[in-house]
Amino acid sequence: MALSTEQQIWGQLKRSQNPLIVFQPKEIDGLASALALYLLLSQIGLKPEIACANFTTSPNISFLPNLDKIKPKLDSLQQLVVKLNVAKDKIKDFSYNFVDNKLHIFITPHDGGITSSDARITTSNYKHDLIITAGVIDLPSLGPLYQNNIDFFLATPIINIDCDPQNEQYGQINHVQINDTSTAETVYKLLRTNPELVLDDQIANCLLTGMIAKTQSFKSKSVTPETLHLASQLMDAGADREMIIGKLYRSRSVTTLNLWGRVLTKLKSAEQNKLVWSVLTADDFLSAGTEDHELDAVCEELISQMPSAQIFALLYQKEPGGLEALITSFNQTDLLQSLKSLKPSGTKFKVTIALKGTPIEAEQALTTELKKLII
């Protein structure tokens, strides 16, 4: 009889020692699920690492554990190995130096000489023997983490854990549960299939955070009675629902709220409110006393208040003369593909685009393109 994906996952983990957990940028559900997995794998004696491209923390997620363990890029994946045959003669001395950005290695034998035929250069195995993705719809969504290490991702087994029906099933093991409301819910159900694991309050807090963030505090239509039952189990295990909601939604800084107000005053819509956008100038950031790194928090607040919107775009001046747009799709439109002529970066449903022209010209050109994506 074929093994379930849960059984396959636990079997693969038994064969692993140094797994890598990855999640895509700016997704709290993926982040919280990845941190829960990090704690779980550490609990069973593995040595996991966790990474997300260009990861930076923010006040509303600062309560989550092990944020300092998240690497913004992958380094030291392999080592260059120089193998030298010393059967004929032992080594007397070893030294090196750098000349014109080149490493020179000097090996001196006790007697005789060393020739190139005595040496062989190879590369070591990859540092990580397994990759676990949390809430990652496809590998390009990982950004530079994937783009700069494609060979590593192609050569290493992948466990793909997600709940999105658009997931591209890119793993050797694909645990994609489309009836779950969040990746955190999927991870929790996976955890319950292994009686050796202990659900402590840190893990419970991570998982409940993912569920709350993904469902807008259980307000989304996808929430089921089972979801609420699982959430209650996590609270019984020590998860602090009030603290999580307070941190996620009630800890916005005054500057973020000021910026939110400016976005709201400039809010525009078209296509029967299915396309919504706003434009911020450099003066808006100056007056609000904030910078563009707080835009994600503003977008999260606005998105939860726009149930009819299919596309939301926030145009802003990153610097004098520079204009960017942060665009989110809610109608399953692949923004990376649909807007490829504008060279977007990000994930299928959330991209950033550098715009040309004056703010008025850029706004008109972008909204013209976005109107084509409304269903």
Protein backbone atom coordinates (compact mmCIF):
# COMPACT_ATOMS: atom_id res chain seq x y z
CA MET A 1 0.00 0.00 0.00
CA ALA A 2 1.29 3.46 -0.93
CA LEU A 3 2.56 5.66 1.88
CA SER A 4 0.66 8.85 2.72
CA THR A 5 2.50 12.14 2.20
CA GLU A 6 2.73 12.47 6.00
CA GLN A 7 4.49 9.09 6.21
CA GLN A 8 6.76 10.06 3.34
CA ILE A 9 7.68 13.31 5.11
CA TRP A 10 8.61 11.64 8.40
CA GLY A 11 10.58 9.00 6.51
CA GLN A 12 12.51 11.67 4.59
CA LEU A 13 13.23 13.57 7.80
CA LYS A 14 14.68 10.43 9.40
CA ARG A 15 17.20 10.34 6.56
CA SER A 16 18.10 14.02 6.96
CA GLN A 17 20.55 15.77 9.27
CA ASN A 18 20.75 19.38 8.06
CA PRO A 19 17.45 20.46 6.48
CA LEU A 20 16.87 23.98 5.17
CA ILE A 21 13.47 25.61 5.73
CA VAL A 22 12.48 28.42 3.35
CA PHE A 23 9.48 30.68 2.92
CA GLN A 24 8.64 33.52 0.58
CA PRO A 25 9.07 37.18 1.58
CA LYS A 26 6.37 39.23 3.29
CA GLU A 27 4.04 36.31 4.10
CA ILE A 28 3.32 35.99 7.82
CA ASP A 29 1.64 32.58 7.46
CA GLY A 30 4.72 31.19 5.72
CA LEU A 31 7.04 32.85 8.23
CA ALA A 32 5.15 31.53 11.26
CA SER A 33 4.88 28.04 9.74
CA ALA A 34 8.61 28.00 8.97
CA LEU A 35 9.46 29.00 12.54
CA ALA A 36 7.18 26.25 13.88
CA LEU A 37 8.94 23.73 11.62
CA TYR A 38 12.33 25.01 12.82
CA LEU A 39 11.32 24.33 16.43
CA LEU A 40 9.81 20.94 15.58
CA LEU A 41 12.86 19.70 13.68
CA SER A 42 15.19 20.91 16.42
CA GLN A 43 13.06 18.94 18.87
CA ILE A 44 13.69 15.66 17.03
CA GLY A 45 17.46 16.17 16.95
CA LEU A 46 17.99 17.66 13.51
CA LYS A 47 20.08 20.76 12.78
CA PRO A 48 17.75 22.89 10.67
CA GLU A 49 18.48 26.31 9.22
CA ILE A 50 15.90 28.81 8.02
CA ALA A 51 16.14 31.39 5.24
CA CYS A 52 14.10 34.01 3.38
CA ALA A 53 15.42 36.39 0.73
CA ASN A 54 16.27 39.82 2.14
CA PHE A 55 14.36 39.09 5.34
CA THR A 56 13.82 41.99 7.72
CA THR A 57 11.73 42.03 10.86
CA SER A 58 9.04 44.52 11.87
CA PRO A 59 7.41 45.43 15.22
CA ASN A 60 4.20 43.48 14.58
CA ILE A 61 6.06 40.14 14.28
CA SER A 62 8.81 40.79 16.83
CA PHE A 63 7.15 38.46 19.36
CA LEU A 64 7.81 35.38 17.23
CA PRO A 65 10.74 33.20 18.36
CA ASN A 66 14.05 32.71 16.53
CA LEU A 67 13.66 35.61 14.09
CA ASP A 68 17.39 36.18 14.51
CA LYS A 69 18.00 32.70 13.08
CA ILE A 70 16.50 33.61 9.69
CA LYS A 71 19.19 34.09 7.06
CA PRO A 72 18.53 36.66 4.30
CA LYS A 73 20.63 34.66 1.83
CA LEU A 74 22.27 31.26 1.47
CA ASP A 75 26.00 31.09 2.05
CA SER A 76 28.66 28.38 2.28
CA LEU A 77 26.44 25.80 0.56
CA GLN A 78 29.49 23.91 -0.66
CA GLN A 79 33.23 23.79 -0.06
CA LEU A 80 36.03 23.56 -2.59
CA VAL A 81 38.11 20.49 -1.70
CA VAL A 82 41.75 20.10 -2.72
CA LYS A 83 42.90 16.48 -2.37
CA LEU A 84 46.68 15.97 -2.39
CA ASN A 85 48.39 12.60 -2.59
CA VAL A 86 51.07 12.59 0.14
CA ALA A 87 51.92 8.87 -0.04
CA LYS A 88 55.31 9.66 -1.58
CA ASP A 89 56.21 12.64 0.59
CA LYS A 90 54.83 14.34 3.68
CA ILE A 91 53.98 18.04 3.81
CA LYS A 92 56.55 20.33 5.40
CA ASP A 93 54.80 23.68 5.10
CA PHE A 94 51.54 25.24 3.96
CA SER A 95 50.78 28.93 3.30
CA TYR A 96 48.63 31.17 1.13
CA ASN A 97 48.18 34.78 0.06
CA PHE A 98 45.97 36.93 -2.17
CA VAL A 99 47.22 38.59 -5.36
CA ASP A 100 44.88 40.55 -7.63
CA ASN A 101 41.84 39.02 -5.93
CA LYS A 102 43.20 35.53 -6.52
CA LEU A 103 44.03 33.02 -3.80
CA HIS A 104 47.49 31.47 -4.09
CA ILE A 105 48.11 28.30 -2.06
CA PHE A 106 51.68 27.16 -1.43
CA ILE A 107 52.41 23.56 -0.34
CA THR A 108 56.00 22.57 0.42
CA PRO A 109 57.00 18.88 0.76
CA HIS A 110 59.75 17.59 3.01
CA ASP A 111 61.67 16.12 0.11
CA GLY A 112 61.32 15.82 -3.63
CA GLY A 113 58.56 17.72 -5.40
CA ILE A 114 54.81 17.90 -5.93
CA THR A 115 53.27 17.89 -9.39
CA SER A 116 49.77 18.77 -10.58
CA SER A 117 49.07 15.05 -11.03
CA ASP A 118 49.31 14.66 -7.24
CA ALA A 119 46.39 17.04 -6.67
CA ARG A 120 42.67 16.82 -7.42
CA ILE A 121 40.09 19.58 -6.96
CA THR A 122 36.48 18.70 -6.19
CA THR A 123 33.46 20.25 -4.49
CA SER A 124 31.85 18.90 -1.34
CA ASN A 125 28.25 17.80 -1.05
CA TYR A 126 25.76 20.55 -0.36
CA LYS A 127 25.59 21.69 3.25
CA HIS A 128 21.85 20.92 3.38
CA ASP A 129 20.53 17.46 2.47
CA LEU A 130 16.85 18.50 2.35
CA ILE A 131 14.76 21.60 1.58
CA ILE A 132 11.38 22.23 3.21
CA THR A 133 9.23 24.98 1.72
CA ALA A 134 6.47 26.55 3.83
CA GLY A 135 3.67 28.29 1.96
CA VAL A 136 5.66 28.68 -1.26
CA ILE A 137 3.48 28.47 -4.38
CA ASP A 138 6.45 28.03 -6.73
CA LEU A 139 10.24 28.22 -6.44
CA PRO A 140 10.63 31.60 -8.26
CA SER A 141 8.52 33.09 -5.43
CA LEU A 142 11.58 32.65 -3.21
CA GLY A 143 13.27 35.45 -5.17
CA PRO A 144 17.09 35.69 -5.02
CA LEU A 145 17.20 32.75 -2.63
CA TYR A 146 16.22 30.52 -5.55
CA GLN A 147 17.54 32.56 -8.47
CA ASN A 148 21.08 32.65 -7.06
CA ASN A 149 21.12 28.94 -6.10
CA ILE A 150 19.17 27.12 -8.81
CA ASP A 151 21.63 24.20 -8.98
CA PHE A 152 21.21 23.61 -5.25
CA PHE A 153 17.41 23.54 -5.52
CA LEU A 154 17.55 21.18 -8.50
CA ALA A 155 19.94 18.77 -6.78
CA THR A 156 18.32 18.66 -3.32
CA PRO A 157 15.09 16.81 -2.32
CA ILE A 158 12.22 19.18 -1.55
CA ILE A 159 9.27 18.74 0.82
CA ASN A 160 6.61 21.18 -0.33
CA ILE A 161 4.09 22.12 2.40
CA ASP A 162 1.28 24.48 1.38
CA CYS A 163 -2.50 24.95 1.19
CA ASP A 164 -2.77 27.03 -2.00
CA PRO A 165 -4.61 25.33 -4.90
CA GLN A 166 -2.32 27.23 -7.30
CA ASN A 167 0.75 25.45 -5.89
CA GLU A 168 2.85 24.04 -8.73
CA GLN A 169 3.66 20.72 -6.98
CA TYR A 170 7.42 21.20 -7.52
CA GLY A 171 8.62 19.00 -4.63
CA GLN A 172 9.65 15.39 -4.47
CA ILE A 173 7.03 15.23 -1.70
CA ASN A 174 4.07 17.57 -2.15
CA HIS A 175 1.94 17.97 0.97
CA VAL A 176 -0.52 20.52 -0.44
CA GLN A 177 -3.81 20.51 1.47
CA ILE A 178 -6.14 22.81 -0.48
CA ASN A 179 -8.99 22.48 2.03
CA ASP A 180 -6.87 24.00 4.82
CA THR A 181 -7.16 27.73 5.48
CA SER A 182 -3.46 28.32 6.07
CA THR A 183 -0.07 26.66 5.81
CA ALA A 184 0.07 26.83 9.61
CA GLU A 185 -3.05 24.68 9.78
CA THR A 186 -1.42 22.17 7.41
CA VAL A 187 1.74 22.09 9.54
CA TYR A 188 -0.30 21.56 12.72
CA LYS A 189 -2.17 18.62 11.19
CA LEU A 190 1.16 17.17 10.07
CA LEU A 191 2.55 17.55 13.59
CA ARG A 192 -0.38 15.60 15.03
CA THR A 193 0.53 12.56 12.92
CA ASN A 194 3.79 12.12 14.85
CA PRO A 195 3.18 11.12 18.49
CA GLU A 196 6.85 11.71 19.34
CA LEU A 197 6.52 15.49 18.94
CA VAL A 198 5.64 17.80 21.82
CA LEU A 199 3.48 20.84 21.13
CA ASP A 200 4.89 23.53 23.43
CA ASP A 201 3.67 27.11 23.79
CA GLN A 202 6.26 28.53 21.36
CA ILE A 203 5.22 26.18 18.57
CA ALA A 204 1.55 26.76 19.37
CA ASN A 205 2.03 30.54 19.21
CA CYS A 206 3.75 30.27 15.81
CA LEU A 207 1.00 28.10 14.36
CA LEU A 208 -1.86 30.21 15.72
CA THR A 209 -0.12 33.34 14.41
CA GLY A 210 -0.05 31.86 10.92
CA MET A 211 -3.72 30.89 11.10
CA ILE A 212 -4.79 34.31 12.39
CA ALA A 213 -2.73 36.21 9.81
CA LYS A 214 -3.96 34.11 6.87
CA THR A 215 -7.65 34.31 7.84
CA GLN A 216 -7.63 37.99 8.93
CA SER A 217 -8.31 36.89 12.51
CA PHE A 218 -10.77 34.17 11.38
CA LYS A 219 -12.88 36.63 9.34
CA SER A 220 -12.23 35.12 5.90
CA LYS A 221 -14.88 33.00 4.17
CA SER A 222 -12.53 30.00 4.08
CA VAL A 223 -12.73 29.50 7.86
CA THR A 224 -14.42 26.22 8.81
CA PRO A 225 -15.56 24.76 12.14
CA GLU A 226 -12.49 22.51 11.99
CA THR A 227 -10.26 25.58 11.72
CA LEU A 228 -11.76 27.05 14.87
CA HIS A 229 -11.46 23.70 16.65
CA LEU A 230 -7.77 23.47 15.74
CA ALA A 231 -7.23 27.04 16.93
CA SER A 232 -8.82 26.16 20.28
CA GLN A 233 -6.43 23.20 20.59
CA LEU A 234 -3.48 25.51 20.01
CA MET A 235 -4.75 27.85 22.72
CA ASP A 236 -5.10 24.88 25.07
CA ALA A 237 -1.44 24.12 24.29
CA GLY A 238 -0.38 27.62 25.36
CA ALA A 239 -0.93 29.91 22.36
CA ASP A 240 -1.91 33.43 23.46
CA ARG A 241 -4.61 34.60 21.03
CA GLU A 242 -5.05 38.06 22.56
CA MET A 243 -1.32 38.74 22.52
CA ILE A 244 -1.01 37.62 18.89
CA ILE A 245 -3.92 39.78 17.71
CA GLY A 246 -2.60 42.70 19.73
CA LYS A 247 0.85 42.41 18.16
CA LEU A 248 -0.36 41.79 14.61
CA TYR A 249 -3.12 44.37 14.43
CA ARG A 250 -2.91 46.76 17.38
CA SER A 251 0.77 47.65 17.51
CA ARG A 252 0.98 49.94 14.52
CA SER A 253 3.22 52.94 15.11
CA VAL A 254 1.90 56.49 14.88
CA THR A 255 3.93 57.00 11.72
CA THR A 256 2.36 53.92 10.10
CA LEU A 257 -1.12 55.18 10.99
CA ASN A 258 -0.24 58.60 9.56
CA LEU A 259 0.87 56.96 6.33
CA TRP A 260 -2.28 54.83 6.26
CA GLY A 261 -4.35 58.01 6.51
CA ARG A 262 -2.54 59.52 3.55
CA VAL A 263 -3.10 56.39 1.48
CA LEU A 264 -6.82 56.47 2.33
CA THR A 265 -7.25 60.12 1.38
CA LYS A 266 -5.78 59.40 -2.06
CA LEU A 267 -7.59 56.12 -2.65
CA LYS A 268 -9.06 55.66 -6.14
CA SER A 269 -11.01 52.86 -7.79
CA ALA A 270 -12.28 51.67 -11.16
CA GLU A 271 -14.10 48.72 -12.69
CA GLN A 272 -16.83 48.81 -10.01
CA ASN A 273 -14.24 48.93 -7.20
CA LYS A 274 -12.51 45.79 -8.46
CA LEU A 275 -9.35 47.81 -9.12
CA VAL A 276 -8.21 49.99 -6.21
CA TRP A 277 -5.06 52.10 -6.03
CA SER A 278 -3.40 55.02 -4.31
CA VAL A 279 -0.39 57.22 -5.04
CA LEU A 280 2.09 58.50 -2.44
CA THR A 281 4.67 61.21 -3.04
CA ALA A 282 7.94 61.83 -1.27
CA ASP A 283 6.18 64.64 0.63
CA ASP A 284 3.65 62.12 1.99
CA PHE A 285 6.44 60.08 3.57
CA LEU A 286 8.05 63.23 4.95
CA SER A 287 4.78 64.52 6.43
CA ALA A 288 3.92 61.11 7.93
CA GLY A 289 7.40 60.84 9.43
CA THR A 290 7.99 57.41 7.94
CA GLU A 291 9.72 55.56 5.10
CA ASP A 292 8.70 53.11 2.39
CA HIS A 293 9.60 50.04 4.52
CA GLU A 294 6.30 50.55 6.38
CA LEU A 295 4.22 50.13 3.21
CA ASP A 296 3.71 46.41 3.76
CA ALA A 297 1.99 47.08 7.08
CA VAL A 298 -0.22 49.70 5.42
CA CYS A 299 -1.13 47.33 2.59
CA GLU A 300 -2.07 44.55 5.03
CA GLU A 301 -4.51 46.88 6.80
CA LEU A 302 -6.09 48.12 3.57
CA ILE A 303 -6.39 44.72 1.93
CA SER A 304 -8.41 43.34 4.83
CA GLN A 305 -10.91 46.18 4.34
CA MET A 306 -11.49 45.69 0.58
CA PRO A 307 -13.54 42.50 0.05
CA SER A 308 -14.61 43.40 -3.50
CA ALA A 309 -11.15 44.33 -4.81
CA GLN A 310 -9.46 42.03 -7.30
CA ILE A 311 -6.31 44.12 -7.77
CA PHE A 312 -4.77 46.62 -5.34
CA ALA A 313 -1.85 48.85 -6.30
CA LEU A 314 0.12 51.31 -4.21
CA LEU A 315 2.33 53.67 -6.20
CA TYR A 316 5.00 55.55 -4.29
CA GLN A 317 8.11 57.64 -4.74
CA LYS A 318 11.03 55.65 -3.44
CA GLU A 319 13.38 58.56 -3.97
CA PRO A 320 13.30 61.83 -5.95
CA GLY A 321 12.75 60.83 -9.54
CA GLY A 322 12.10 57.15 -8.71
CA LEU A 323 8.64 55.62 -8.66
CA GLU A 324 7.60 52.07 -7.73
CA ALA A 325 4.34 50.17 -7.43
CA LEU A 326 3.42 47.44 -4.97
CA ILE A 327 0.64 45.36 -6.55
CA THR A 328 -1.46 42.57 -5.02
CA SER A 329 -3.83 40.24 -6.88
CA PHE A 330 -6.86 38.60 -5.27
CA ASN A 331 -8.38 37.01 -8.39
CA GLN A 332 -5.64 34.41 -9.00
CA THR A 333 -4.07 36.52 -11.76
CA ASP A 334 -0.40 35.64 -12.18
CA LEU A 335 1.12 39.13 -11.97
CA LEU A 336 4.61 37.93 -12.83
CA GLN A 337 3.32 36.59 -16.15
CA SER A 338 0.61 39.17 -16.90
CA LEU A 339 2.89 42.15 -16.25
CA LYS A 340 6.15 40.63 -17.50
CA SER A 341 6.70 43.51 -19.95
CA LEU A 342 7.06 45.77 -16.88
CA LYS A 343 9.72 43.47 -15.35
CA PRO A 344 7.99 42.71 -12.03
CA SER A 345 9.73 41.08 -9.08
CA GLY A 346 8.12 39.16 -6.23
CA THR A 347 5.57 36.35 -6.20
CA LYS A 348 2.71 35.43 -8.53
CA PHE A 349 0.17 37.40 -6.56
CA LYS A 350 2.31 40.19 -5.06
CA VAL A 351 4.88 42.09 -7.11
CA THR A 352 6.92 45.26 -7.12
CA ILE A 353 7.48 47.20 -10.34
CA ALA A 354 9.75 50.15 -11.14
CA LEU A 355 7.81 52.75 -13.12
CA LYS A 356 8.90 55.38 -15.61
CA GLY A 357 7.72 58.92 -16.21
CA THR A 358 6.03 61.42 -13.94
CA PRO A 359 3.67 60.17 -11.21
CA ILE A 360 0.66 61.13 -13.34
CA GLU A 361 2.03 59.38 -16.44
CA ALA A 362 3.03 56.29 -14.48
CA GLU A 363 -0.36 56.09 -12.74
CA GLN A 364 -2.24 56.30 -16.03
CA ALA A 365 -0.04 53.72 -17.78
CA LEU A 366 -0.16 51.24 -14.88
CA THR A 367 -3.91 51.46 -14.24
CA THR A 368 -4.52 50.95 -17.95
CA GLU A 369 -2.61 47.67 -17.75
CA LEU A 370 -4.26 46.61 -14.49
CA LYS A 371 -7.77 47.15 -15.84
CA LYS A 372 -7.05 44.39 -18.36
CA LEU A 373 -6.58 41.95 -15.48
CA ILE A 374 -10.02 42.49 -13.92
CA ILE A 375 -12.37 39.54 -14.35
